[in-house]
C-alpha cells in the first residue's frame, strides 16, 4: 500500500509511533542510533553544512518518516 507523504493521517501515525519505537526494547540499539545520530548531529552542527538550505525541522520530519517505515518493515507486528 502506497502511503502519501502529505496525508495528515500518515503524519499522525508517524508522530505517535516514533516515541514508542525509540523506547521499545524490541527495536535494536543499532536501528535507534541509525535514526538518532544523524538527527542529533544535524541539530547540533548546523554550520557544518552551510550551503544546504534545509530547515532542521524538515530534516527531522524526513528522518522520522523514514525511521517509522524502516522499523515497521523490519519488525513486522511490533507494537
PDB file of N, CA and C in Angstrom:
ATOM      1  N   UNK A   1       0.848  -1.181   0.000  1.00  0.00           N
ATOM      2  CA  UNK A   1       0.000   0.000   0.000  1.00  0.00           C
ATOM      3  C   UNK A   1       0.889   1.238   0.000  1.00  0.00           C
ATOM      4  N   UNK A   2       0.686   2.110  -0.968  1.00  0.00           N
ATOM      5  CA  UNK A   2       1.447   3.341  -1.073  1.00  0.00           C
ATOM      6  C   UNK A   2       0.844   4.387  -0.148  1.00  0.00           C
ATOM      7  N   UNK A   3       1.677   4.985   0.678  1.00  0.00           N
ATOM      8  CA  UNK A   3       1.203   5.994   1.625  1.00  0.00           C
ATOM      9  C   UNK A   3       1.664   7.368   1.174  1.00  0.00           C
ATOM     10  N   UNK A   4       0.786   8.321   1.258  1.00  0.00           N
ATOM     11  CA  UNK A   4       1.104   9.677   0.843  1.00  0.00           C
ATOM     12  C   UNK A   4       1.900  10.392   1.933  1.00  0.00           C
ATOM     13  N   UNK A   5       2.942  11.101   1.509  1.00  0.00           N
ATOM     14  CA  UNK A   5       3.731  11.891   2.444  1.00  0.00           C
ATOM     15  C   UNK A   5       2.931  13.064   2.983  1.00  0.00           C
ATOM     16  N   UNK A   6       1.936  13.511   2.270  1.00  0.00           N
ATOM     17  CA  UNK A   6       1.207  14.724   2.634  1.00  0.00           C
ATOM     18  C   UNK A   6      -0.074  14.429   3.404  1.00  0.00           C
ATOM     19  N   UNK A   7      -0.340  13.191   3.699  1.00  0.00           N
ATOM     20  CA  UNK A   7      -1.547  12.803   4.401  1.00  0.00           C
ATOM     21  C   UNK A   7      -1.429  13.133   5.892  1.00  0.00           C
ATOM     22  N   UNK A   8      -2.431  13.815   6.417  1.00  0.00           N
ATOM     23  CA  UNK A   8      -2.457  14.141   7.841  1.00  0.00           C
ATOM     24  C   UNK A   8      -2.530  12.869   8.677  1.00  0.00           C
ATOM     25  N   UNK A   9      -3.271  11.886   8.201  1.00  0.00           N
ATOM     26  CA  UNK A   9      -3.377  10.603   8.902  1.00  0.00           C
ATOM     27  C   UNK A   9      -2.004   9.931   9.005  1.00  0.00           C
ATOM     28  N   UNK A  10      -1.228   9.981   7.924  1.00  0.00           N
ATOM     29  CA  UNK A  10       0.115   9.380   7.920  1.00  0.00           C
ATOM     30  C   UNK A  10       1.022  10.078   8.925  1.00  0.00           C
ATOM     31  N   UNK A  11       0.984  11.420   8.960  1.00  0.00           N
ATOM     32  CA  UNK A  11       1.859  12.153   9.881  1.00  0.00           C
ATOM     33  C   UNK A  11       1.448  11.948  11.332  1.00  0.00           C
ATOM     34  N   UNK A  12       0.167  11.787  11.596  1.00  0.00           N
ATOM     35  CA  UNK A  12      -0.270  11.489  12.957  1.00  0.00           C
ATOM     36  C   UNK A  12       0.266  10.114  13.372  1.00  0.00           C
ATOM     37  N   UNK A  13       0.240   9.178  12.438  1.00  0.00           N
ATOM     38  CA  UNK A  13       0.780   7.841  12.692  1.00  0.00           C
ATOM     39  C   UNK A  13       2.280   7.924  13.004  1.00  0.00           C
ATOM     40  N   UNK A  14       3.010   8.670  12.197  1.00  0.00           N
ATOM     41  CA  UNK A  14       4.459   8.811  12.384  1.00  0.00           C
ATOM     42  C   UNK A  14       4.754   9.452  13.737  1.00  0.00           C
ATOM     43  N   UNK A  15       4.055  10.531  14.065  1.00  0.00           N
ATOM     44  CA  UNK A  15       4.316  11.236  15.320  1.00  0.00           C
ATOM     45  C   UNK A  15       3.980  10.400  16.550  1.00  0.00           C
ATOM     46  N   UNK A  16       3.010   9.518  16.439  1.00  0.00           N
ATOM     47  CA  UNK A  16       2.670   8.633  17.554  1.00  0.00           C
ATOM     48  C   UNK A  16       3.666   7.481  17.682  1.00  0.00           C
ATOM     49  N   UNK A  17       4.143   6.973  16.554  1.00  0.00           N
ATOM     50  CA  UNK A  17       4.975   5.767  16.561  1.00  0.00           C
ATOM     51  C   UNK A  17       6.437   6.018  16.927  1.00  0.00           C
ATOM     52  N   UNK A  18       6.983   7.181  16.574  1.00  0.00           N
ATOM     53  CA  UNK A  18       8.408   7.423  16.822  1.00  0.00           C
ATOM     54  C   UNK A  18       8.775   7.254  18.297  1.00  0.00           C
ATOM     55  N   UNK A  19       8.089   7.902  19.239  1.00  0.00           N
ATOM     56  CA  UNK A  19       8.478   7.697  20.645  1.00  0.00           C
ATOM     57  C   UNK A  19       8.329   6.236  21.092  1.00  0.00           C
ATOM     58  N   UNK A  20       7.282   5.569  20.639  1.00  0.00           N
ATOM     59  CA  UNK A  20       7.079   4.165  21.017  1.00  0.00           C
ATOM     60  C   UNK A  20       8.204   3.291  20.477  1.00  0.00           C
ATOM     61  N   UNK A  21       8.621   3.549  19.248  1.00  0.00           N
ATOM     62  CA  UNK A  21       9.677   2.745  18.648  1.00  0.00           C
ATOM     63  C   UNK A  21      11.039   3.041  19.266  1.00  0.00           C
ATOM     64  N   UNK A  22      11.292   4.307  19.569  1.00  0.00           N
ATOM     65  CA  UNK A  22      12.570   4.688  20.182  1.00  0.00           C
ATOM     66  C   UNK A  22      12.728   4.032  21.557  1.00  0.00           C
ATOM     67  N   UNK A  23      11.650   3.958  22.325  1.00  0.00           N
ATOM     68  CA  UNK A  23      11.734   3.409  23.673  1.00  0.00           C
ATOM     69  C   UNK A  23      11.378   1.921  23.751  1.00  0.00           C
ATOM     70  N   UNK A  24      11.106   1.300  22.625  1.00  0.00           N
ATOM     71  CA  UNK A  24      10.783  -0.124  22.604  1.00  0.00           C
ATOM     72  C   UNK A  24      12.035  -0.961  22.836  1.00  0.00           C
ATOM     73  N   UNK A  25      11.917  -1.962  23.661  1.00  0.00           N
ATOM     74  CA  UNK A  25      13.037  -2.869  23.912  1.00  0.00           C
ATOM     75  C   UNK A  25      13.208  -3.866  22.776  1.00  0.00           C
ATOM     76  N   UNK A  26      12.212  -4.004  21.931  1.00  0.00           N
ATOM     77  CA  UNK A  26      12.264  -4.959  20.830  1.00  0.00           C
ATOM     78  C   UNK A  26      13.030  -4.418  19.620  1.00  0.00           C
ATOM     79  N   UNK A  27      13.189  -3.098  19.536  1.00  0.00           N
ATOM     80  CA  UNK A  27      13.934  -2.487  18.428  1.00  0.00           C
ATOM     81  C   UNK A  27      15.397  -2.422  18.845  1.00  0.00           C
ATOM     82  N   UNK A  28      16.277  -2.857  17.970  1.00  0.00           N
ATOM     83  CA  UNK A  28      17.705  -2.906  18.316  1.00  0.00           C
ATOM     84  C   UNK A  28      18.278  -1.500  18.503  1.00  0.00           C
ATOM     85  N   UNK A  29      19.323  -1.436  19.302  1.00  0.00           N
ATOM     86  CA  UNK A  29      20.002  -0.165  19.555  1.00  0.00           C
ATOM     87  C   UNK A  29      20.578   0.383  18.253  1.00  0.00           C
ATOM     88  N   UNK A  30      21.073  -0.486  17.401  1.00  0.00           N
ATOM     89  CA  UNK A  30      21.616  -0.055  16.111  1.00  0.00           C
ATOM     90  C   UNK A  30      20.560   0.699  15.295  1.00  0.00           C
ATOM     91  N   UNK A  31      19.350   0.171  15.243  1.00  0.00           N
ATOM     92  CA  UNK A  31      18.286   0.823  14.482  1.00  0.00           C
ATOM     93  C   UNK A  31      17.904   2.166  15.104  1.00  0.00           C
ATOM     94  N   UNK A  32      17.905   2.239  16.413  1.00  0.00           N
ATOM     95  CA  UNK A  32      17.602   3.507  17.090  1.00  0.00           C
ATOM     96  C   UNK A  32      18.687   4.541  16.814  1.00  0.00           C
ATOM     97  N   UNK A  33      19.936   4.097  16.847  1.00  0.00           N
ATOM     98  CA  UNK A  33      21.041   5.014  16.564  1.00  0.00           C
ATOM     99  C   UNK A  33      21.069   5.442  15.105  1.00  0.00           C
ATOM    100  N   UNK A  34      20.617   4.581  14.226  1.00  0.00           N
ATOM    101  CA  UNK A  34      20.553   4.902  12.801  1.00  0.00           C
ATOM    102  C   UNK A  34      19.639   6.098  12.551  1.00  0.00           C
ATOM    103  N   UNK A  35      18.659   6.281  13.420  1.00  0.00           N
ATOM    104  CA  UNK A  35      17.773   7.439  13.351  1.00  0.00           C
ATOM    105  C   UNK A  35      18.312   8.603  14.182  1.00  0.00           C
ATOM    106  N   UNK A  36      18.722   8.330  15.401  1.00  0.00           N
ATOM    107  CA  UNK A  36      19.051   9.375  16.368  1.00  0.00           C
ATOM    108  C   UNK A  36      20.325  10.151  16.039  1.00  0.00           C
ATOM    109  N   UNK A  37      21.383   9.463  15.695  1.00  0.00           N
ATOM    110  CA  UNK A  37      22.677  10.115  15.482  1.00  0.00           C
ATOM    111  C   UNK A  37      22.631  11.155  14.357  1.00  0.00           C
ATOM    112  N   UNK A  38      22.130  10.814  13.159  1.00  0.00           N
ATOM    113  CA  UNK A  38      22.092  11.844  12.112  1.00  0.00           C
ATOM    114  C   UNK A  38      21.217  13.049  12.483  1.00  0.00           C
ATOM    115  N   UNK A  39      20.089  12.793  13.126  1.00  0.00           N
ATOM    116  CA  UNK A  39      19.210  13.902  13.506  1.00  0.00           C
ATOM    117  C   UNK A  39      19.885  14.790  14.548  1.00  0.00           C
ATOM    118  N   UNK A  40      20.465  14.180  15.566  1.00  0.00           N
ATOM    119  CA  UNK A  40      21.141  14.971  16.599  1.00  0.00           C
ATOM    120  C   UNK A  40      22.325  15.742  16.033  1.00  0.00           C
ATOM    121  N   UNK A  41      23.095  15.102  15.166  1.00  0.00           N
ATOM    122  CA  UNK A  41      24.220  15.805  14.547  1.00  0.00           C
ATOM    123  C   UNK A  41      23.749  16.981  13.700  1.00  0.00           C
ATOM    124  N   UNK A  42      22.665  16.799  12.978  1.00  0.00           N
ATOM    125  CA  UNK A  42      22.156  17.893  12.147  1.00  0.00           C
ATOM    126  C   UNK A  42      21.675  19.054  13.009  1.00  0.00           C
ATOM    127  N   UNK A  43      21.075  18.747  14.158  1.00  0.00           N
ATOM    128  CA  UNK A  43      20.606  19.811  15.055  1.00  0.00           C
ATOM    129  C   UNK A  43      21.763  20.510  15.745  1.00  0.00           C
ATOM    130  N   UNK A  44      22.806  19.771  16.116  1.00  0.00           N
ATOM    131  CA  UNK A  44      23.916  20.337  16.877  1.00  0.00           C
ATOM    132  C   UNK A  44      24.926  21.028  15.967  1.00  0.00           C
ATOM    133  N   UNK A  45      25.135  20.495  14.786  1.00  0.00           N
ATOM    134  CA  UNK A  45      26.163  21.016  13.882  1.00  0.00           C
ATOM    135  C   UNK A  45      25.575  21.632  12.616  1.00  0.00           C
ATOM    136  N   UNK A  46      24.701  22.637  12.731  1.00  0.00           N
ATOM    137  CA  UNK A  46      24.087  23.190  11.513  1.00  0.00           C
ATOM    138  C   UNK A  46      25.064  23.961  10.635  1.00  0.00           C
ATOM    139  N   UNK A  47      26.173  24.432  11.200  1.00  0.00           N
ATOM    140  CA  UNK A  47      27.121  25.216  10.415  1.00  0.00           C
ATOM    141  C   UNK A  47      28.062  24.355   9.587  1.00  0.00           C
ATOM    142  N   UNK A  48      28.031  23.059   9.793  1.00  0.00           N
ATOM    143  CA  UNK A  48      28.881  22.167   9.018  1.00  0.00           C
ATOM    144  C   UNK A  48      28.418  22.136   7.564  1.00  0.00           C
ATOM    145  N   UNK A  49      27.126  22.254   7.346  1.00  0.00           N
ATOM    146  CA  UNK A  49      26.562  22.238   6.003  1.00  0.00           C
ATOM    147  C   UNK A  49      25.886  23.581   5.700  1.00  0.00           C
ATOM    148  N   UNK A  50      26.657  24.678   5.594  1.00  0.00           N
ATOM    149  CA  UNK A  50      26.041  25.993   5.421  1.00  0.00           C
ATOM    150  C   UNK A  50      25.361  26.188   4.067  1.00  0.00           C
ATOM    151  N   UNK A  51      25.728  25.409   3.086  1.00  0.00           N
ATOM    152  CA  UNK A  51      25.152  25.598   1.758  1.00  0.00           C
ATOM    153  C   UNK A  51      23.887  24.783   1.550  1.00  0.00           C
ATOM    154  N   UNK A  52      23.492  24.005   2.537  1.00  0.00           N
ATOM    155  CA  UNK A  52      22.305  23.164   2.439  1.00  0.00           C
ATOM    156  C   UNK A  52      21.132  23.897   3.076  1.00  0.00           C
ATOM    157  N   UNK A  53      20.239  24.489   2.279  1.00  0.00           N
ATOM    158  CA  UNK A  53      19.164  25.312   2.841  1.00  0.00           C
ATOM    159  C   UNK A  53      17.936  24.511   3.287  1.00  0.00           C
ATOM    160  N   UNK A  54      18.168  23.488   4.095  1.00  0.00           N
ATOM    161  CA  UNK A  54      17.062  22.671   4.592  1.00  0.00           C
ATOM    162  C   UNK A  54      16.929  22.955   6.082  1.00  0.00           C
ATOM    163  N   UNK A  55      15.720  23.204   6.507  1.00  0.00           N
ATOM    164  CA  UNK A  55      15.458  23.503   7.902  1.00  0.00           C
ATOM    165  C   UNK A  55      15.646  22.266   8.770  1.00  0.00           C
ATOM    166  N   UNK A  56      16.048  22.482  10.016  1.00  0.00           N
ATOM    167  CA  UNK A  56      16.258  21.371  10.958  1.00  0.00           C
ATOM    168  C   UNK A  56      14.984  20.551  11.148  1.00  0.00           C
ATOM    169  N   UNK A  57      13.862  21.208  11.217  1.00  0.00           N
ATOM    170  CA  UNK A  57      12.596  20.504  11.417  1.00  0.00           C
ATOM    171  C   UNK A  57      12.274  19.638  10.200  1.00  0.00           C
ATOM    172  N   UNK A  58      12.542  20.144   9.018  1.00  0.00           N
ATOM    173  CA  UNK A  58      12.299  19.366   7.802  1.00  0.00           C
ATOM    174  C   UNK A  58      13.135  18.104   7.754  1.00  0.00           C
ATOM    175  N   UNK A  59      14.403  18.219   8.131  1.00  0.00           N
ATOM    176  CA  UNK A  59      15.281  17.048   8.159  1.00  0.00           C
ATOM    177  C   UNK A  59      14.790  16.056   9.203  1.00  0.00           C
ATOM    178  N   UNK A  60      14.374  16.559  10.356  1.00  0.00           N
ATOM    179  CA  UNK A  60      13.875  15.687  11.417  1.00  0.00           C
ATOM    180  C   UNK A  60      12.603  14.969  10.987  1.00  0.00           C
ATOM    181  N   UNK A  61      11.686  15.673  10.348  1.00  0.00           N
ATOM    182  CA  UNK A  61      10.447  15.047   9.879  1.00  0.00           C
ATOM    183  C   UNK A  61      10.736  13.985   8.822  1.00  0.00           C
ATOM    184  N   UNK A  62      11.638  14.283   7.912  1.00  0.00           N
ATOM    185  CA  UNK A  62      12.029  13.298   6.905  1.00  0.00           C
ATOM    186  C   UNK A  62      12.614  12.053   7.573  1.00  0.00           C
ATOM    187  N   UNK A  63      13.499  12.258   8.552  1.00  0.00           N
ATOM    188  CA  UNK A  63      14.118  11.139   9.253  1.00  0.00           C
ATOM    189  C   UNK A  63      13.079  10.341  10.048  1.00  0.00           C
ATOM    190  N   UNK A  64      12.122  11.029  10.660  1.00  0.00           N
ATOM    191  CA  UNK A  64      11.074  10.332  11.405  1.00  0.00           C
ATOM    192  C   UNK A  64      10.244   9.456  10.483  1.00  0.00           C
ATOM    193  N   UNK A  65       9.880   9.990   9.340  1.00  0.00           N
ATOM    194  CA  UNK A  65       9.079   9.240   8.360  1.00  0.00           C
ATOM    195  C   UNK A  65       9.849   8.002   7.895  1.00  0.00           C
ATOM    196  N   UNK A  66      11.117   8.200   7.567  1.00  0.00           N
ATOM    197  CA  UNK A  66      11.932   7.078   7.125  1.00  0.00           C
ATOM    198  C   UNK A  66      12.077   6.039   8.233  1.00  0.00           C
ATOM    199  N   UNK A  67      12.338   6.485   9.470  1.00  0.00           N
ATOM    200  CA  UNK A  67      12.544   5.579  10.597  1.00  0.00           C
ATOM    201  C   UNK A  67      11.311   4.719  10.855  1.00  0.00           C
ATOM    202  N   UNK A  68      10.141   5.318  10.858  1.00  0.00           N
ATOM    203  CA  UNK A  68       8.913   4.562  11.102  1.00  0.00           C
ATOM    204  C   UNK A  68       8.705   3.532   9.995  1.00  0.00           C
ATOM    205  N   UNK A  69       8.880   3.926   8.741  1.00  0.00           N
ATOM    206  CA  UNK A  69       8.736   2.972   7.639  1.00  0.00           C
ATOM    207  C   UNK A  69       9.746   1.829   7.754  1.00  0.00           C
ATOM    208  N   UNK A  70      10.984   2.164   8.041  1.00  0.00           N
ATOM    209  CA  UNK A  70      12.058   1.169   8.137  1.00  0.00           C
ATOM    210  C   UNK A  70      11.791   0.174   9.260  1.00  0.00           C
ATOM    211  N   UNK A  71      11.479   0.681  10.448  1.00  0.00           N
ATOM    212  CA  UNK A  71      11.283  -0.200  11.599  1.00  0.00           C
ATOM    213  C   UNK A  71      10.008  -1.030  11.439  1.00  0.00           C
ATOM    214  N   UNK A  72       8.947  -0.444  10.899  1.00  0.00           N
ATOM    215  CA  UNK A  72       7.711  -1.219  10.709  1.00  0.00           C
ATOM    216  C   UNK A  72       7.897  -2.332   9.693  1.00  0.00           C
ATOM    217  N   UNK A  73       8.748  -2.126   8.690  1.00  0.00           N
ATOM    218  CA  UNK A  73       9.027  -3.195   7.732  1.00  0.00           C
ATOM    219  C   UNK A  73       9.937  -4.252   8.350  1.00  0.00           C
ATOM    220  N   UNK A  74      10.941  -3.821   9.098  1.00  0.00           N
ATOM    221  CA  UNK A  74      11.908  -4.751   9.674  1.00  0.00           C
ATOM    222  C   UNK A  74      11.296  -5.560  10.820  1.00  0.00           C
ATOM    223  N   UNK A  75      10.520  -4.910  11.662  1.00  0.00           N
ATOM    224  CA  UNK A  75       9.906  -5.572  12.820  1.00  0.00           C
ATOM    225  C   UNK A  75       8.382  -5.630  12.615  1.00  0.00           C
ATOM    226  N   UNK A  76       7.952  -6.404  11.669  1.00  0.00           N
ATOM    227  CA  UNK A  76       6.521  -6.524  11.376  1.00  0.00           C
ATOM    228  C   UNK A  76       5.772  -7.053  12.600  1.00  0.00           C
ATOM    229  N   UNK A  77       4.666  -6.432  12.923  1.00  0.00           N
ATOM    230  CA  UNK A  77       3.855  -6.858  14.062  1.00  0.00           C
ATOM    231  C   UNK A  77       4.300  -6.277  15.384  1.00  0.00           C
ATOM    232  N   UNK A  78       5.226  -5.329  15.371  1.00  0.00           N
ATOM    233  CA  UNK A  78       5.707  -4.709  16.609  1.00  0.00           C
ATOM    234  C   UNK A  78       4.728  -3.659  17.070  1.00  0.00           C
ATOM    235  N   UNK A  79       4.458  -3.646  18.337  1.00  0.00           N
ATOM    236  CA  UNK A  79       3.541  -2.695  18.979  1.00  0.00           C
ATOM    237  C   UNK A  79       2.203  -2.809  18.333  1.00  0.00           C
TER     238      UNK A  79
END
